[in-house]
């Protein structure tokens, strides 16, 4: 019997495109802190939990495109699994629906989920990315968001796709200077990475 060499995965790709308001029917509206002209759509390759290469789409601020491409190139090279990657418009702009679908996403013009005065989320600027939302839930006052992420609220049992201190996901974002919500003491947001760290 002749051994057949395993085929190497397809190369990483990242195509950057401009967007219009028509491309963002649910996630953008007049009055948002950035306009569609300040945003870019990145179509990039990632490895799924099935071990196969997939093409996904992230919408982010044009200023952070380089950072995001560097991070996801690193993750692809490390074979870090991502469940799915679709703009939040695929979920009619609903953060809850996107999280429940274990979706990795960027831009969404919405308020921050935090106590205190109402303010824009970093997602509203296109300067934040949520990764594997079920494996990396947001813990807020006893609530687990999304609720189907409850099995991952215990961070001591590390499983594929999780953001953990010292892990490749956290390190990749740290290398480009982004902060991680998993370090927030009151309400850790394990899925959340942003330019400002908030």
Protein backbone atom coordinates (compact mmCIF):
# COMPACT_ATOMS: atom_id res chain seq x y z
CA UNK A 1 0.00 0.00 0.00
CA UNK A 2 1.35 3.42 -0.95
CA UNK A 3 0.93 6.23 1.57
CA UNK A 4 -0.81 9.28 0.13
CA UNK A 5 0.55 12.53 1.55
CA UNK A 6 -2.01 14.68 3.29
CA UNK A 7 -2.93 17.64 1.15
CA UNK A 8 -1.94 20.98 2.56
CA UNK A 9 -4.73 23.41 3.35
CA UNK A 10 -5.47 26.11 0.79
CA UNK A 11 -3.49 29.32 1.37
CA UNK A 12 -4.87 32.11 3.52
CA UNK A 13 -6.69 34.79 1.55
CA UNK A 14 -8.10 38.17 2.56
CA UNK A 15 -9.90 40.36 0.01
CA UNK A 16 -10.79 43.88 1.12
CA UNK A 17 -13.80 45.61 -0.41
CA UNK A 18 -15.65 48.88 0.09
CA UNK A 19 -19.24 48.79 1.35
CA UNK A 20 -22.31 50.96 0.90
CA UNK A 21 -25.35 51.51 3.10
CA UNK A 22 -27.14 48.98 0.89
CA UNK A 23 -24.66 46.32 2.02
CA UNK A 24 -25.48 47.07 5.68
CA UNK A 25 -29.30 47.23 5.78
CA UNK A 26 -29.61 46.15 9.42
CA UNK A 27 -26.29 47.06 11.04
CA UNK A 28 -26.00 50.70 9.90
CA UNK A 29 -28.34 53.71 9.95
CA UNK A 30 -27.95 57.50 9.80
CA UNK A 31 -26.62 58.82 13.11
CA UNK A 32 -24.12 55.99 13.62
CA UNK A 33 -20.63 57.15 14.69
CA UNK A 34 -19.07 56.01 11.39
CA UNK A 35 -20.41 55.95 7.86
CA UNK A 36 -20.27 53.12 5.32
CA UNK A 37 -17.43 54.92 3.53
CA UNK A 38 -15.28 54.38 6.66
CA UNK A 39 -15.96 50.63 6.73
CA UNK A 40 -14.54 47.71 4.76
CA UNK A 41 -15.69 44.17 4.12
CA UNK A 42 -12.94 41.55 4.42
CA UNK A 43 -13.56 38.19 2.79
CA UNK A 44 -11.11 35.82 4.41
CA UNK A 45 -10.27 32.18 4.82
CA UNK A 46 -10.57 30.48 8.21
CA UNK A 47 -10.48 26.94 9.53
CA UNK A 48 -13.78 25.56 10.77
CA UNK A 49 -14.44 23.15 13.61
CA UNK A 50 -14.69 20.50 10.88
CA UNK A 51 -10.98 20.97 10.11
CA UNK A 52 -11.75 22.35 6.66
CA UNK A 53 -11.07 25.75 5.13
CA UNK A 54 -14.03 28.12 4.74
CA UNK A 55 -14.50 31.64 3.42
CA UNK A 56 -16.06 34.14 5.81
CA UNK A 57 -16.81 37.85 5.90
CA UNK A 58 -16.04 40.50 8.52
CA UNK A 59 -17.00 44.18 8.34
CA UNK A 60 -14.61 46.48 10.19
CA UNK A 61 -13.32 50.04 10.16
CA UNK A 62 -10.87 50.75 7.33
CA UNK A 63 -8.32 51.86 9.96
CA UNK A 64 -8.11 48.34 11.44
CA UNK A 65 -8.14 46.21 8.30
CA UNK A 66 -4.41 45.49 8.53
CA UNK A 67 -4.69 44.44 12.20
CA UNK A 68 -7.62 42.13 11.50
CA UNK A 69 -5.93 40.49 8.50
CA UNK A 70 -2.75 39.89 10.55
CA UNK A 71 -4.77 38.32 13.38
CA UNK A 72 -6.80 35.99 11.18
CA UNK A 73 -3.76 34.98 9.12
CA UNK A 74 -2.13 33.96 12.42
CA UNK A 75 -5.21 32.01 13.51
CA UNK A 76 -5.46 30.24 10.15
CA UNK A 77 -1.79 29.26 10.29
CA UNK A 78 -2.27 27.92 13.83
CA UNK A 79 -5.41 26.01 12.76
CA UNK A 80 -7.48 27.78 15.40
CA UNK A 81 -11.10 26.77 14.72
CA UNK A 82 -13.86 29.28 14.05
CA UNK A 83 -17.50 28.22 13.89
CA UNK A 84 -18.78 30.74 11.35
CA UNK A 85 -18.06 34.26 10.16
CA UNK A 86 -20.87 36.37 8.74
CA UNK A 87 -21.75 40.06 8.96
CA UNK A 88 -24.35 40.73 11.65
CA UNK A 89 -26.72 41.80 8.84
CA UNK A 90 -27.20 38.07 8.19
CA UNK A 91 -29.03 38.12 11.57
CA UNK A 92 -30.96 41.34 10.87
CA UNK A 93 -28.54 43.28 13.07
CA UNK A 94 -29.46 41.22 16.15
CA UNK A 95 -26.45 40.74 18.39
CA UNK A 96 -28.39 38.08 20.35
CA UNK A 97 -29.13 36.03 17.22
CA UNK A 98 -25.57 36.37 15.95
CA UNK A 99 -24.16 35.24 19.31
CA UNK A 100 -26.57 32.29 19.56
CA UNK A 101 -25.35 31.16 16.11
CA UNK A 102 -21.75 31.12 17.41
CA UNK A 103 -20.91 33.76 14.83
CA UNK A 104 -17.65 35.70 14.62
CA UNK A 105 -18.47 39.28 13.61
CA UNK A 106 -17.27 42.87 13.67
CA UNK A 107 -19.25 46.03 12.87
CA UNK A 108 -22.72 46.58 14.34
CA UNK A 109 -24.04 50.06 15.10
CA UNK A 110 -25.35 49.44 18.61
CA UNK A 111 -24.97 50.67 22.15
CA UNK A 112 -22.52 49.09 24.54
CA UNK A 113 -23.89 46.38 26.82
CA UNK A 114 -22.69 47.94 30.05
CA UNK A 115 -23.90 49.65 33.19
CA UNK A 116 -23.87 53.44 33.36
CA UNK A 117 -24.73 56.10 30.80
CA UNK A 118 -25.64 54.89 27.32
CA UNK A 119 -22.65 54.90 24.98
CA UNK A 120 -21.67 53.40 21.65
CA UNK A 121 -20.15 49.94 21.59
CA UNK A 122 -16.73 49.65 19.94
CA UNK A 123 -18.60 47.52 17.38
CA UNK A 124 -20.42 50.69 16.31
CA UNK A 125 -17.04 52.11 15.24
CA UNK A 126 -16.02 48.89 13.50
CA UNK A 127 -13.12 48.58 15.91
CA UNK A 128 -14.12 45.38 17.73
CA UNK A 129 -14.47 41.72 16.80
CA UNK A 130 -16.34 38.99 18.69
CA UNK A 131 -14.90 35.50 18.14
CA UNK A 132 -16.70 32.16 18.68
CA UNK A 133 -19.43 33.64 20.84
CA UNK A 134 -20.70 30.33 22.26
CA UNK A 135 -17.25 29.07 23.25
CA UNK A 136 -16.46 32.56 24.59
CA UNK A 137 -19.59 33.93 26.29
CA UNK A 138 -20.14 37.29 27.96
CA UNK A 139 -20.82 36.89 31.69
CA UNK A 140 -22.95 39.73 33.02
CA UNK A 141 -24.36 39.70 36.55
CA UNK A 142 -25.10 35.98 36.61
CA UNK A 143 -26.33 35.93 33.01
CA UNK A 144 -24.48 34.04 30.28
CA UNK A 145 -24.73 35.59 26.81
CA UNK A 146 -25.53 33.76 24.65
CA UNK A 147 -27.42 31.34 26.93
CA UNK A 148 -26.20 28.37 24.85
CA UNK A 149 -22.67 29.32 25.94
CA UNK A 150 -23.37 28.29 29.54
CA UNK A 151 -21.25 25.13 29.21
CA UNK A 152 -18.27 27.41 28.51
CA UNK A 153 -18.75 29.70 31.51
CA UNK A 154 -16.29 27.45 33.34
CA UNK A 155 -13.01 28.65 31.83
CA UNK A 156 -10.86 26.05 33.61
CA UNK A 157 -11.79 23.33 31.10
CA UNK A 158 -10.14 24.49 27.90
CA UNK A 159 -11.74 23.27 24.68
CA UNK A 160 -11.22 24.11 20.98
CA UNK A 161 -12.19 27.62 19.92
CA UNK A 162 -11.85 29.16 23.38
CA UNK A 163 -10.09 32.43 24.17
CA UNK A 164 -7.77 31.76 27.08
CA UNK A 165 -4.94 33.65 28.73
CA UNK A 166 -1.75 32.75 26.88
CA UNK A 167 -3.66 31.05 24.04
CA UNK A 168 -3.13 31.81 20.35
CA UNK A 169 -6.35 33.84 19.99
CA UNK A 170 -5.54 36.24 22.84
CA UNK A 171 -1.89 36.44 21.80
CA UNK A 172 -2.74 37.19 18.16
CA UNK A 173 -4.89 40.18 19.09
CA UNK A 174 -2.37 41.35 21.71
CA UNK A 175 0.37 41.40 19.06
CA UNK A 176 -1.54 44.06 17.11
CA UNK A 177 -2.25 46.03 20.30
CA UNK A 178 -5.89 45.07 20.84
CA UNK A 179 -7.41 44.49 24.29
CA UNK A 180 -9.42 41.48 25.42
CA UNK A 181 -12.75 41.60 27.26
CA UNK A 182 -11.88 38.36 29.05
CA UNK A 183 -9.73 40.44 31.39
CA UNK A 184 -12.65 42.59 32.57
CA UNK A 185 -13.11 41.78 36.25
CA UNK A 186 -16.78 42.64 36.83
CA UNK A 187 -18.30 41.21 33.64
CA UNK A 188 -15.79 39.29 31.55
CA UNK A 189 -16.58 39.25 27.83
CA UNK A 190 -14.47 36.37 26.56
CA UNK A 191 -15.50 36.78 22.91
CA UNK A 192 -14.66 40.48 22.68
CA UNK A 193 -11.49 42.05 21.26
CA UNK A 194 -11.15 45.76 20.51
CA UNK A 195 -8.71 48.51 19.65
CA UNK A 196 -9.44 50.36 22.91
CA UNK A 197 -9.77 47.30 25.13
CA UNK A 198 -13.33 48.24 26.02
